[in-house]
């Protein structure tokens, strides 16, 4: 008897390679996969605006990179003793405007460079619900724990999402002739919106994404949402909040990303780096033993071989751990 419905994930026709530059944007699930890519030493910039959930806020962030926007004190507001930006996640908030703008400017510069040079832009859409500031009808990327009464909550339409993303895709392709774009829909279940409302939101995102993927040759879709919702399909693959996929689920999706999205040659290198990462995290029973010294020498030599063969990889920190 079969108690599990799996489905094949079609390989990307343009696979990700180690010499590619990647920019990941979107929901917290984008951060989970971004951390995996960084852990395996891909050249990756993750969420330069912080976590963003709705497509219009992601589009607004992309436009700011294309425009080379410089944020100023006029773009900030103060709440709960912190200076915040309505466009950014609260990780950028600081005790002074200067501290906040310094954090924003540093990542804005990295994102502007990435948008010009990236081989891949990975966008993970989280929710079709958007929050609008009542006082000026401004779309916000993060509410910064400002009381809910200050916002309108609105469900975006497929047409709104397609139009916004379509416009920024044209600008992006004009600016960066080599970039490919990979869309995913986050499997995180936004139950605060309501179960029915969450499902409607995901349906809108899926319809918008597939419309765009069918329109552009350089757009692709990876079924992270379907892998968790339809393949795993079990609450044991969620954290205690029953909303966020747990480590098992993230690792399962990551395995599928590797198989379907990364070139065979880069997969081989990835597995070598994964082995070295496991060795670097090993905690010896007796650090002073001859056996452990031999272990360190063995993996130091492995790191040095990889550094010689792939000089673009930044492995100095791993080498130091074994020396």
C-alpha atoms as a PDB file:
ATOM      1  CA  UNK A   1       0.000   0.000   0.000  1.00  0.00           C
ATOM      2  CA  UNK A   2       1.182   3.533  -0.752  1.00  0.00           C
ATOM      3  CA  UNK A   3       0.589   6.192   1.896  1.00  0.00           C
ATOM      4  CA  UNK A   4       2.635   8.926   0.262  1.00  0.00           C
ATOM      5  CA  UNK A   5       2.091  10.821  -2.977  1.00  0.00           C
ATOM      6  CA  UNK A   6       5.367  11.902  -4.552  1.00  0.00           C
ATOM      7  CA  UNK A   7       5.867  13.554  -7.894  1.00  0.00           C
ATOM      8  CA  UNK A   8       8.887  14.178 -10.113  1.00  0.00           C
ATOM      9  CA  UNK A   9      10.456  17.638 -10.036  1.00  0.00           C
ATOM     10  CA  UNK A  10      11.512  18.568 -13.549  1.00  0.00           C
ATOM     11  CA  UNK A  11      15.161  19.707 -13.775  1.00  0.00           C
ATOM     12  CA  UNK A  12      15.707  23.350 -14.627  1.00  0.00           C
ATOM     13  CA  UNK A  13      16.768  23.773 -18.234  1.00  0.00           C
ATOM     14  CA  UNK A  14      19.293  26.383 -17.067  1.00  0.00           C
ATOM     15  CA  UNK A  15      20.949  24.889 -13.991  1.00  0.00           C
ATOM     16  CA  UNK A  16      22.605  26.828 -11.175  1.00  0.00           C
ATOM     17  CA  UNK A  17      26.401  26.579 -11.037  1.00  0.00           C
ATOM     18  CA  UNK A  18      29.047  27.536  -8.517  1.00  0.00           C
ATOM     19  CA  UNK A  19      30.387  30.360 -10.682  1.00  0.00           C
ATOM     20  CA  UNK A  20      26.939  31.982 -10.717  1.00  0.00           C
ATOM     21  CA  UNK A  21      25.897  34.935  -8.569  1.00  0.00           C
ATOM     22  CA  UNK A  22      22.518  34.561  -6.852  1.00  0.00           C
ATOM     23  CA  UNK A  23      20.076  37.015  -5.308  1.00  0.00           C
ATOM     24  CA  UNK A  24      17.250  35.601  -3.163  1.00  0.00           C
ATOM     25  CA  UNK A  25      14.241  37.646  -2.090  1.00  0.00           C
ATOM     26  CA  UNK A  26      10.940  37.038  -0.375  1.00  0.00           C
ATOM     27  CA  UNK A  27       9.492  35.224   2.601  1.00  0.00           C
ATOM     28  CA  UNK A  28      11.232  33.493   5.483  1.00  0.00           C
ATOM     29  CA  UNK A  29      11.366  30.313   3.381  1.00  0.00           C
ATOM     30  CA  UNK A  30      13.681  32.184   0.987  1.00  0.00           C
ATOM     31  CA  UNK A  31      15.981  32.672   3.959  1.00  0.00           C
ATOM     32  CA  UNK A  32      15.933  28.947   4.780  1.00  0.00           C
ATOM     33  CA  UNK A  33      17.056  28.018   1.255  1.00  0.00           C
ATOM     34  CA  UNK A  34      19.404  31.009   1.119  1.00  0.00           C
ATOM     35  CA  UNK A  35      21.161  29.788   4.257  1.00  0.00           C
ATOM     36  CA  UNK A  36      21.629  26.386   2.633  1.00  0.00           C
ATOM     37  CA  UNK A  37      23.179  27.980  -0.448  1.00  0.00           C
ATOM     38  CA  UNK A  38      25.500  30.124   1.678  1.00  0.00           C
ATOM     39  CA  UNK A  39      26.404  27.145   3.859  1.00  0.00           C
ATOM     40  CA  UNK A  40      27.515  25.344   0.687  1.00  0.00           C
ATOM     41  CA  UNK A  41      29.488  28.415  -0.419  1.00  0.00           C
ATOM     42  CA  UNK A  42      27.412  29.681  -3.309  1.00  0.00           C
ATOM     43  CA  UNK A  43      27.874  33.384  -4.034  1.00  0.00           C
ATOM     44  CA  UNK A  44      24.518  34.463  -2.626  1.00  0.00           C
ATOM     45  CA  UNK A  45      22.871  37.673  -1.403  1.00  0.00           C
ATOM     46  CA  UNK A  46      19.749  36.952   0.673  1.00  0.00           C
ATOM     47  CA  UNK A  47      16.912  39.427   1.309  1.00  0.00           C
ATOM     48  CA  UNK A  48      18.647  42.829   1.082  1.00  0.00           C
ATOM     49  CA  UNK A  49      15.411  44.421   2.361  1.00  0.00           C
ATOM     50  CA  UNK A  50      14.874  41.649   4.908  1.00  0.00           C
ATOM     51  CA  UNK A  51      11.900  39.294   4.783  1.00  0.00           C
ATOM     52  CA  UNK A  52       9.138  40.494   2.444  1.00  0.00           C
ATOM     53  CA  UNK A  53       5.890  38.606   1.974  1.00  0.00           C
ATOM     54  CA  UNK A  54       3.727  40.202  -0.681  1.00  0.00           C
ATOM     55  CA  UNK A  55       4.668  40.550  -4.375  1.00  0.00           C
ATOM     56  CA  UNK A  56       4.201  44.334  -4.515  1.00  0.00           C
ATOM     57  CA  UNK A  57       6.681  44.939  -1.687  1.00  0.00           C
ATOM     58  CA  UNK A  58       9.183  42.633  -3.402  1.00  0.00           C
ATOM     59  CA  UNK A  59       8.635  44.496  -6.669  1.00  0.00           C
ATOM     60  CA  UNK A  60       9.124  47.832  -4.887  1.00  0.00           C
ATOM     61  CA  UNK A  61      12.433  46.593  -3.437  1.00  0.00           C
ATOM     62  CA  UNK A  62      13.623  45.411  -6.863  1.00  0.00           C
ATOM     63  CA  UNK A  63      12.721  48.794  -8.335  1.00  0.00           C
ATOM     64  CA  UNK A  64      14.781  50.535  -5.648  1.00  0.00           C
ATOM     65  CA  UNK A  65      17.837  48.499  -6.723  1.00  0.00           C
ATOM     66  CA  UNK A  66      17.253  49.242 -10.406  1.00  0.00           C
ATOM     67  CA  UNK A  67      16.845  52.945  -9.607  1.00  0.00           C
ATOM     68  CA  UNK A  68      19.868  53.039  -7.306  1.00  0.00           C
ATOM     69  CA  UNK A  69      17.675  54.542  -4.584  1.00  0.00           C
ATOM     70  CA  UNK A  70      19.464  56.114  -1.627  1.00  0.00           C
ATOM     71  CA  UNK A  71      17.386  56.077   1.566  1.00  0.00           C
ATOM     72  CA  UNK A  72      17.399  59.241   3.687  1.00  0.00           C
ATOM     73  CA  UNK A  73      16.066  60.211   7.140  1.00  0.00           C
ATOM     74  CA  UNK A  74      12.822  61.272   5.431  1.00  0.00           C
ATOM     75  CA  UNK A  75      12.219  57.587   4.584  1.00  0.00           C
ATOM     76  CA  UNK A  76      12.242  56.619   8.273  1.00  0.00           C
ATOM     77  CA  UNK A  77       9.797  56.851  11.179  1.00  0.00           C
ATOM     78  CA  UNK A  78      10.199  56.327  14.911  1.00  0.00           C
ATOM     79  CA  UNK A  79       8.233  53.760  16.900  1.00  0.00           C
ATOM     80  CA  UNK A  80       9.016  52.126  20.271  1.00  0.00           C
ATOM     81  CA  UNK A  81      12.351  53.986  20.497  1.00  0.00           C
ATOM     82  CA  UNK A  82      13.522  52.558  17.164  1.00  0.00           C
ATOM     83  CA  UNK A  83      13.917  54.160  13.760  1.00  0.00           C
ATOM     84  CA  UNK A  84      12.296  52.015  11.074  1.00  0.00           C
ATOM     85  CA  UNK A  85      11.669  51.917   7.337  1.00  0.00           C
ATOM     86  CA  UNK A  86       8.239  50.920   6.015  1.00  0.00           C
ATOM     87  CA  UNK A  87      10.025  49.228   3.101  1.00  0.00           C
ATOM     88  CA  UNK A  88      12.332  47.080   5.241  1.00  0.00           C
ATOM     89  CA  UNK A  89      12.174  44.298   7.799  1.00  0.00           C
ATOM     90  CA  UNK A  90      12.689  45.252  11.440  1.00  0.00           C
ATOM     91  CA  UNK A  91      16.192  43.707  11.387  1.00  0.00           C
ATOM     92  CA  UNK A  92      17.266  47.054   9.888  1.00  0.00           C
ATOM     93  CA  UNK A  93      15.753  49.128  12.689  1.00  0.00           C
ATOM     94  CA  UNK A  94      18.153  51.051  14.921  1.00  0.00           C
ATOM     95  CA  UNK A  95      18.257  53.363  17.903  1.00  0.00           C
ATOM     96  CA  UNK A  96      19.279  56.281  15.690  1.00  0.00           C
ATOM     97  CA  UNK A  97      18.442  57.257  12.100  1.00  0.00           C
ATOM     98  CA  UNK A  98      22.148  56.984  11.273  1.00  0.00           C
ATOM     99  CA  UNK A  99      22.332  53.372  12.483  1.00  0.00           C
ATOM    100  CA  UNK A 100      19.233  52.394  10.520  1.00  0.00           C
ATOM    101  CA  UNK A 101      20.396  54.109   7.339  1.00  0.00           C
ATOM    102  CA  UNK A 102      23.851  52.566   7.655  1.00  0.00           C
ATOM    103  CA  UNK A 103      22.320  49.071   7.733  1.00  0.00           C
ATOM    104  CA  UNK A 104      20.016  49.894   4.819  1.00  0.00           C
ATOM    105  CA  UNK A 105      22.713  51.534   2.687  1.00  0.00           C
ATOM    106  CA  UNK A 106      25.134  48.644   3.085  1.00  0.00           C
ATOM    107  CA  UNK A 107      22.595  46.095   1.841  1.00  0.00           C
ATOM    108  CA  UNK A 108      21.231  48.481  -0.793  1.00  0.00           C
ATOM    109  CA  UNK A 109      24.711  48.689  -2.323  1.00  0.00           C
ATOM    110  CA  UNK A 110      25.084  44.898  -2.273  1.00  0.00           C
ATOM    111  CA  UNK A 111      21.680  44.468  -3.898  1.00  0.00           C
ATOM    112  CA  UNK A 112      22.361  47.061  -6.594  1.00  0.00           C
ATOM    113  CA  UNK A 113      25.573  45.227  -7.481  1.00  0.00           C
ATOM    114  CA  UNK A 114      23.730  41.902  -7.421  1.00  0.00           C
ATOM    115  CA  UNK A 115      20.916  43.084  -9.681  1.00  0.00           C
ATOM    116  CA  UNK A 116      23.497  44.157 -12.274  1.00  0.00           C
ATOM    117  CA  UNK A 117      25.558  40.967 -12.135  1.00  0.00           C
ATOM    118  CA  UNK A 118      23.362  38.130 -10.880  1.00  0.00           C
ATOM    119  CA  UNK A 119      22.880  34.998 -12.936  1.00  0.00           C
ATOM    120  CA  UNK A 120      19.831  34.057 -10.862  1.00  0.00           C
ATOM    121  CA  UNK A 121      17.138  35.944  -9.016  1.00  0.00           C
ATOM    122  CA  UNK A 122      15.087  33.631  -6.789  1.00  0.00           C
ATOM    123  CA  UNK A 123      11.777  35.111  -5.606  1.00  0.00           C
ATOM    124  CA  UNK A 124       9.707  33.349  -2.954  1.00  0.00           C
ATOM    125  CA  UNK A 125       6.205  34.790  -2.670  1.00  0.00           C
ATOM    126  CA  UNK A 126       4.613  34.373   0.747  1.00  0.00           C
ATOM    127  CA  UNK A 127       1.201  36.008   0.741  1.00  0.00           C
ATOM    128  CA  UNK A 128      -1.155  37.937  -1.532  1.00  0.00           C
ATOM    129  CA  UNK A 129      -2.323  39.966   1.469  1.00  0.00           C
ATOM    130  CA  UNK A 130      -0.856  43.456   1.636  1.00  0.00           C
ATOM    131  CA  UNK A 131      -0.972  46.082   4.380  1.00  0.00           C
ATOM    132  CA  UNK A 132      -1.607  49.736   3.522  1.00  0.00           C
ATOM    133  CA  UNK A 133      -0.884  52.608   5.906  1.00  0.00           C
ATOM    134  CA  UNK A 134      -4.144  54.506   6.425  1.00  0.00           C
ATOM    135  CA  UNK A 135      -2.612  57.957   6.848  1.00  0.00           C
ATOM    136  CA  UNK A 136      -1.162  58.088   3.319  1.00  0.00           C
ATOM    137  CA  UNK A 137      -2.257  54.880   1.529  1.00  0.00           C
ATOM    138  CA  UNK A 138       1.345  53.669   1.480  1.00  0.00           C
ATOM    139  CA  UNK A 139       2.127  49.996   0.931  1.00  0.00           C
ATOM    140  CA  UNK A 140       4.288  48.654   3.772  1.00  0.00           C
ATOM    141  CA  UNK A 141       6.674  45.739   3.659  1.00  0.00           C
ATOM    142  CA  UNK A 142       6.605  45.334   7.438  1.00  0.00           C
ATOM    143  CA  UNK A 143       4.235  46.674  10.109  1.00  0.00           C
ATOM    144  CA  UNK A 144       6.950  46.928  12.816  1.00  0.00           C
ATOM    145  CA  UNK A 145       4.402  46.072  15.536  1.00  0.00           C
ATOM    146  CA  UNK A 146       2.555  49.331  14.923  1.00  0.00           C
ATOM    147  CA  UNK A 147      -1.084  48.786  16.077  1.00  0.00           C
ATOM    148  CA  UNK A 148      -3.231  47.061  13.460  1.00  0.00           C
ATOM    149  CA  UNK A 149      -5.726  49.928  13.456  1.00  0.00           C
ATOM    150  CA  UNK A 150      -3.224  52.005  11.490  1.00  0.00           C
ATOM    151  CA  UNK A 151      -3.460  49.742   8.429  1.00  0.00           C
ATOM    152  CA  UNK A 152      -5.855  48.526   5.818  1.00  0.00           C
ATOM    153  CA  UNK A 153      -5.432  44.860   4.919  1.00  0.00           C
ATOM    154  CA  UNK A 154      -6.105  44.093   1.267  1.00  0.00           C
ATOM    155  CA  UNK A 155      -6.026  40.938  -0.844  1.00  0.00           C
ATOM    156  CA  UNK A 156      -4.114  41.653  -4.036  1.00  0.00           C
ATOM    157  CA  UNK A 157      -5.535  40.494  -7.356  1.00  0.00           C
ATOM    158  CA  UNK A 158      -3.830  38.306  -9.921  1.00  0.00           C
ATOM    159  CA  UNK A 159      -3.836  41.206 -12.398  1.00  0.00           C
ATOM    160  CA  UNK A 160      -2.151  43.564  -9.909  1.00  0.00           C
ATOM    161  CA  UNK A 161       0.597  41.050  -9.181  1.00  0.00           C
ATOM    162  CA  UNK A 162       1.167  40.137 -12.829  1.00  0.00           C
ATOM    163  CA  UNK A 163       1.298  43.802 -13.897  1.00  0.00           C
ATOM    164  CA  UNK A 164       3.769  44.788 -11.172  1.00  0.00           C
ATOM    165  CA  UNK A 165       6.077  41.822 -11.721  1.00  0.00           C
ATOM    166  CA  UNK A 166       5.790  42.043 -15.509  1.00  0.00           C
ATOM    167  CA  UNK A 167       6.955  45.675 -15.485  1.00  0.00           C
ATOM    168  CA  UNK A 168       9.945  45.003 -13.256  1.00  0.00           C
ATOM    169  CA  UNK A 169      10.898  41.885 -15.260  1.00  0.00           C
ATOM    170  CA  UNK A 170      11.149  43.952 -18.454  1.00  0.00           C
ATOM    171  CA  UNK A 171      13.362  46.503 -16.709  1.00  0.00           C
ATOM    172  CA  UNK A 172      15.486  43.765 -15.197  1.00  0.00           C
ATOM    173  CA  UNK A 173      16.023  41.925 -18.483  1.00  0.00           C
ATOM    174  CA  UNK A 174      17.014  45.197 -20.150  1.00  0.00           C
ATOM    175  CA  UNK A 175      19.574  45.910 -17.406  1.00  0.00           C
ATOM    176  CA  UNK A 176      20.957  42.384 -16.938  1.00  0.00           C
ATOM    177  CA  UNK A 177      21.087  40.364 -20.151  1.00  0.00           C
ATOM    178  CA  UNK A 178      22.045  37.063 -18.501  1.00  0.00           C
ATOM    179  CA  UNK A 179      19.751  36.879 -15.482  1.00  0.00           C
ATOM    180  CA  UNK A 180      17.310  33.988 -14.987  1.00  0.00           C
ATOM    181  CA  UNK A 181      14.450  34.215 -12.508  1.00  0.00           C
ATOM    182  CA  UNK A 182      13.225  31.321 -10.390  1.00  0.00           C
ATOM    183  CA  UNK A 183       9.868  31.679  -8.651  1.00  0.00           C
ATOM    184  CA  UNK A 184       8.677  29.674  -5.691  1.00  0.00           C
ATOM    185  CA  UNK A 185       5.629  30.018  -3.463  1.00  0.00           C
ATOM    186  CA  UNK A 186       6.315  29.671   0.243  1.00  0.00           C
ATOM    187  CA  UNK A 187       4.847  26.597   1.972  1.00  0.00           C
ATOM    188  CA  UNK A 188       4.540  28.616   5.192  1.00  0.00           C
ATOM    189  CA  UNK A 189       0.849  28.686   6.149  1.00  0.00           C
ATOM    190  CA  UNK A 190      -0.244  32.185   7.206  1.00  0.00           C
ATOM    191  CA  UNK A 191      -2.965  31.009   9.559  1.00  0.00           C
ATOM    192  CA  UNK A 192      -3.296  34.475  11.124  1.00  0.00           C
ATOM    193  CA  UNK A 193      -5.092  35.395   7.897  1.00  0.00           C
ATOM    194  CA  UNK A 194      -7.439  32.416   8.365  1.00  0.00           C
ATOM    195  CA  UNK A 195      -7.250  28.968   6.798  1.00  0.00           C
ATOM    196  CA  UNK A 196      -9.613  29.758   3.929  1.00  0.00           C
ATOM    197  CA  UNK A 197      -7.974  33.150   3.378  1.00  0.00           C
ATOM    198  CA  UNK A 198      -4.487  31.594   3.359  1.00  0.00           C
ATOM    199  CA  UNK A 199      -5.517  29.072   0.706  1.00  0.00           C
ATOM    200  CA  UNK A 200      -7.075  31.809  -1.418  1.00  0.00           C
ATOM    201  CA  UNK A 201      -3.906  33.873  -1.073  1.00  0.00           C
ATOM    202  CA  UNK A 202      -1.703  30.973  -2.190  1.00  0.00           C
ATOM    203  CA  UNK A 203      -4.024  30.284  -5.140  1.00  0.00           C
ATOM    204  CA  UNK A 204      -3.670  33.894  -6.314  1.00  0.00           C
ATOM    205  CA  UNK A 205       0.119  33.710  -6.043  1.00  0.00           C
ATOM    206  CA  UNK A 206       0.263  30.427  -7.941  1.00  0.00           C
ATOM    207  CA  UNK A 207      -1.937  31.726 -10.737  1.00  0.00           C
ATOM    208  CA  UNK A 208       0.121  34.924 -11.085  1.00  0.00           C
ATOM    209  CA  UNK A 209       3.452  33.082 -11.081  1.00  0.00           C
ATOM    210  CA  UNK A 210       2.421  30.513 -13.672  1.00  0.00           C
ATOM    211  CA  UNK A 211       1.064  33.265 -15.921  1.00  0.00           C
ATOM    212  CA  UNK A 212       4.493  34.939 -15.848  1.00  0.00           C
ATOM    213  CA  UNK A 213       6.493  31.722 -16.227  1.00  0.00           C
ATOM    214  CA  UNK A 214       4.471  30.843 -19.307  1.00  0.00           C
ATOM    215  CA  UNK A 215       5.141  34.301 -20.771  1.00  0.00           C
ATOM    216  CA  UNK A 216       8.932  34.643 -20.358  1.00  0.00           C
ATOM    217  CA  UNK A 217      11.601  32.171 -21.490  1.00  0.00           C
ATOM    218  CA  UNK A 218      13.970  33.046 -18.658  1.00  0.00           C
ATOM    219  CA  UNK A 219      11.435  32.503 -15.871  1.00  0.00           C
ATOM    220  CA  UNK A 220      11.161  29.194 -14.039  1.00  0.00           C
ATOM    221  CA  UNK A 221       9.047  27.691 -11.271  1.00  0.00           C
ATOM    222  CA  UNK A 222      10.233  25.398  -8.485  1.00  0.00           C
ATOM    223  CA  UNK A 223       7.449  23.560  -6.581  1.00  0.00           C
ATOM    224  CA  UNK A 224       8.558  24.168  -2.978  1.00  0.00           C
ATOM    225  CA  UNK A 225       4.927  24.759  -2.000  1.00  0.00           C
ATOM    226  CA  UNK A 226       3.726  21.504  -3.557  1.00  0.00           C
ATOM    227  CA  UNK A 227       6.605  19.480  -2.083  1.00  0.00           C
ATOM    228  CA  UNK A 228       5.541  20.399   1.452  1.00  0.00           C
ATOM    229  CA  UNK A 229       1.768  20.642   1.005  1.00  0.00           C
ATOM    230  CA  UNK A 230       1.190  17.688  -1.345  1.00  0.00           C
ATOM    231  CA  UNK A 231       4.274  15.475  -1.117  1.00  0.00           C
ATOM    232  CA  UNK A 232       5.110  15.542   2.613  1.00  0.00           C
ATOM    233  CA  UNK A 233       1.540  16.496   3.609  1.00  0.00           C
ATOM    234  CA  UNK A 234       1.872  15.804   7.307  1.00  0.00           C
ATOM    235  CA  UNK A 235       1.972  17.993  10.426  1.00  0.00           C
ATOM    236  CA  UNK A 236       5.062  16.153  11.651  1.00  0.00           C
ATOM    237  CA  UNK A 237       6.937  18.174   9.014  1.00  0.00           C
ATOM    238  CA  UNK A 238       5.920  21.461  10.649  1.00  0.00           C
ATOM    239  CA  UNK A 239       7.274  23.247  13.680  1.00  0.00           C
ATOM    240  CA  UNK A 240       5.239  23.444  16.876  1.00  0.00           C
ATOM    241  CA  UNK A 241       3.357  26.465  15.534  1.00  0.00           C
ATOM    242  CA  UNK A 242       1.916  24.222  12.773  1.00  0.00           C
ATOM    243  CA  UNK A 243       2.743  27.030  10.344  1.00  0.00           C
ATOM    244  CA  UNK A 244       6.447  26.891   9.458  1.00  0.00           C
ATOM    245  CA  UNK A 245       8.055  23.821   7.849  1.00  0.00           C
ATOM    246  CA  UNK A 246      10.522  22.215  10.237  1.00  0.00           C
ATOM    247  CA  UNK A 247      14.136  21.237   9.614  1.00  0.00           C
ATOM    248  CA  UNK A 248      13.151  17.878   8.094  1.00  0.00           C
ATOM    249  CA  UNK A 249      10.879  19.577   5.564  1.00  0.00           C
ATOM    250  CA  UNK A 250      13.429  22.260   4.695  1.00  0.00           C
ATOM    251  CA  UNK A 251      16.103  19.608   4.179  1.00  0.00           C
ATOM    252  CA  UNK A 252      13.731  17.614   1.958  1.00  0.00           C
ATOM    253  CA  UNK A 253      13.006  20.639  -0.217  1.00  0.00           C
ATOM    254  CA  UNK A 254      16.729  21.451  -0.294  1.00  0.00           C
ATOM    255  CA  UNK A 255      17.488  17.951  -1.586  1.00  0.00           C
ATOM    256  CA  UNK A 256      15.031  18.534  -4.431  1.00  0.00           C
ATOM    257  CA  UNK A 257      16.573  21.941  -5.155  1.00  0.00           C
ATOM    258  CA  UNK A 258      19.975  20.283  -5.476  1.00  0.00           C
ATOM    259  CA  UNK A 259      18.724  17.499  -7.728  1.00  0.00           C
ATOM    260  CA  UNK A 260      16.581  19.646 -10.008  1.00  0.00           C
ATOM    261  CA  UNK A 261      18.233  23.036  -9.874  1.00  0.00           C
ATOM    262  CA  UNK A 262      21.998  22.602  -9.627  1.00  0.00           C
ATOM    263  CA  UNK A 263      24.242  21.356 -12.426  1.00  0.00           C
ATOM    264  CA  UNK A 264      25.785  17.865 -12.046  1.00  0.00           C
ATOM    265  CA  UNK A 265      29.334  19.222 -11.785  1.00  0.00           C
ATOM    266  CA  UNK A 266      28.282  21.703  -9.097  1.00  0.00           C
ATOM    267  CA  UNK A 267      26.378  18.951  -7.258  1.00  0.00           C
ATOM    268  CA  UNK A 268      29.625  16.997  -6.966  1.00  0.00           C
ATOM    269  CA  UNK A 269      31.406  20.030  -5.520  1.00  0.00           C
ATOM    270  CA  UNK A 270      28.443  20.707  -3.209  1.00  0.00           C
ATOM    271  CA  UNK A 271      28.635  17.209  -1.731  1.00  0.00           C
ATOM    272  CA  UNK A 272      32.378  17.677  -1.121  1.00  0.00           C
ATOM    273  CA  UNK A 273      31.714  20.936   0.726  1.00  0.00           C
ATOM    274  CA  UNK A 274      28.876  19.310   2.687  1.00  0.00           C
ATOM    275  CA  UNK A 275      31.291  16.599   3.866  1.00  0.00           C
ATOM    276  CA  UNK A 276      33.803  19.241   4.964  1.00  0.00           C
ATOM    277  CA  UNK A 277      31.063  21.183   6.780  1.00  0.00           C
ATOM    278  CA  UNK A 278      30.109  18.053   8.713  1.00  0.00           C
ATOM    279  CA  UNK A 279      33.761  17.494   9.624  1.00  0.00           C
ATOM    280  CA  UNK A 280      34.132  21.123  10.745  1.00  0.00           C
ATOM    281  CA  UNK A 281      31.136  20.702  13.071  1.00  0.00           C
ATOM    282  CA  UNK A 282      32.521  17.484  14.564  1.00  0.00           C
ATOM    283  CA  UNK A 283      33.203  17.677  18.315  1.00  0.00           C
ATOM    284  CA  UNK A 284      36.042  15.290  19.250  1.00  0.00           C
ATOM    285  CA  UNK A 285      35.993  13.234  22.445  1.00  0.00           C
ATOM    286  CA  UNK A 286      39.726  13.855  22.889  1.00  0.00           C
ATOM    287  CA  UNK A 287      40.976  16.938  20.989  1.00  0.00           C
ATOM    288  CA  UNK A 288      44.600  16.249  21.928  1.00  0.00           C
ATOM    289  CA  UNK A 289      44.719  12.709  20.532  1.00  0.00           C
ATOM    290  CA  UNK A 290      46.915  11.711  17.600  1.00  0.00           C
ATOM    291  CA  UNK A 291      43.798  10.415  15.852  1.00  0.00           C
ATOM    292  CA  UNK A 292      42.121  13.824  16.004  1.00  0.00           C
ATOM    293  CA  UNK A 293      45.279  15.597  14.774  1.00  0.00           C
ATOM    294  CA  UNK A 294      45.299  13.227  11.807  1.00  0.00           C
ATOM    295  CA  UNK A 295      41.622  14.001  11.231  1.00  0.00           C
ATOM    296  CA  UNK A 296      42.365  17.745  11.161  1.00  0.00           C
ATOM    297  CA  UNK A 297      45.295  17.323   8.792  1.00  0.00           C
ATOM    298  CA  UNK A 298      43.201  15.186   6.448  1.00  0.00           C
ATOM    299  CA  UNK A 299      40.431  17.782   6.153  1.00  0.00           C
ATOM    300  CA  UNK A 300      42.818  20.738   6.008  1.00  0.00           C
ATOM    301  CA  UNK A 301      44.379  19.073   2.970  1.00  0.00           C
ATOM    302  CA  UNK A 302      40.912  18.568   1.454  1.00  0.00           C
ATOM    303  CA  UNK A 303      40.063  22.241   1.908  1.00  0.00           C
ATOM    304  CA  UNK A 304      43.368  23.298   0.368  1.00  0.00           C
ATOM    305  CA  UNK A 305      42.723  21.051  -2.641  1.00  0.00           C
ATOM    306  CA  UNK A 306      39.286  22.632  -3.144  1.00  0.00           C
ATOM    307  CA  UNK A 307      40.725  26.136  -2.783  1.00  0.00           C
ATOM    308  CA  UNK A 308      43.354  25.369  -5.421  1.00  0.00           C
ATOM    309  CA  UNK A 309      40.809  23.845  -7.808  1.00  0.00           C
ATOM    310  CA  UNK A 310      38.113  26.484  -7.188  1.00  0.00           C
ATOM    311  CA  UNK A 311      39.801  29.778  -6.243  1.00  0.00           C
ATOM    312  CA  UNK A 312      36.478  31.648  -6.406  1.00  0.00           C
ATOM    313  CA  UNK A 313      35.244  29.781  -3.314  1.00  0.00           C
ATOM    314  CA  UNK A 314      35.734  31.489   0.029  1.00  0.00           C
ATOM    315  CA  UNK A 315      36.900  28.665   2.287  1.00  0.00           C
ATOM    316  CA  UNK A 316      39.466  30.424   4.499  1.00  0.00           C
ATOM    317  CA  UNK A 317      37.286  30.101   7.606  1.00  0.00           C
ATOM    318  CA  UNK A 318      36.996  26.331   7.096  1.00  0.00           C
ATOM    319  CA  UNK A 319      40.752  25.999   6.646  1.00  0.00           C
ATOM    320  CA  UNK A 320      41.345  27.881   9.913  1.00  0.00           C
ATOM    321  CA  UNK A 321      39.045  25.491  11.767  1.00  0.00           C
ATOM    322  CA  UNK A 322      41.182  22.551  10.750  1.00  0.00           C
ATOM    323  CA  UNK A 323      44.489  24.283  11.424  1.00  0.00           C
END
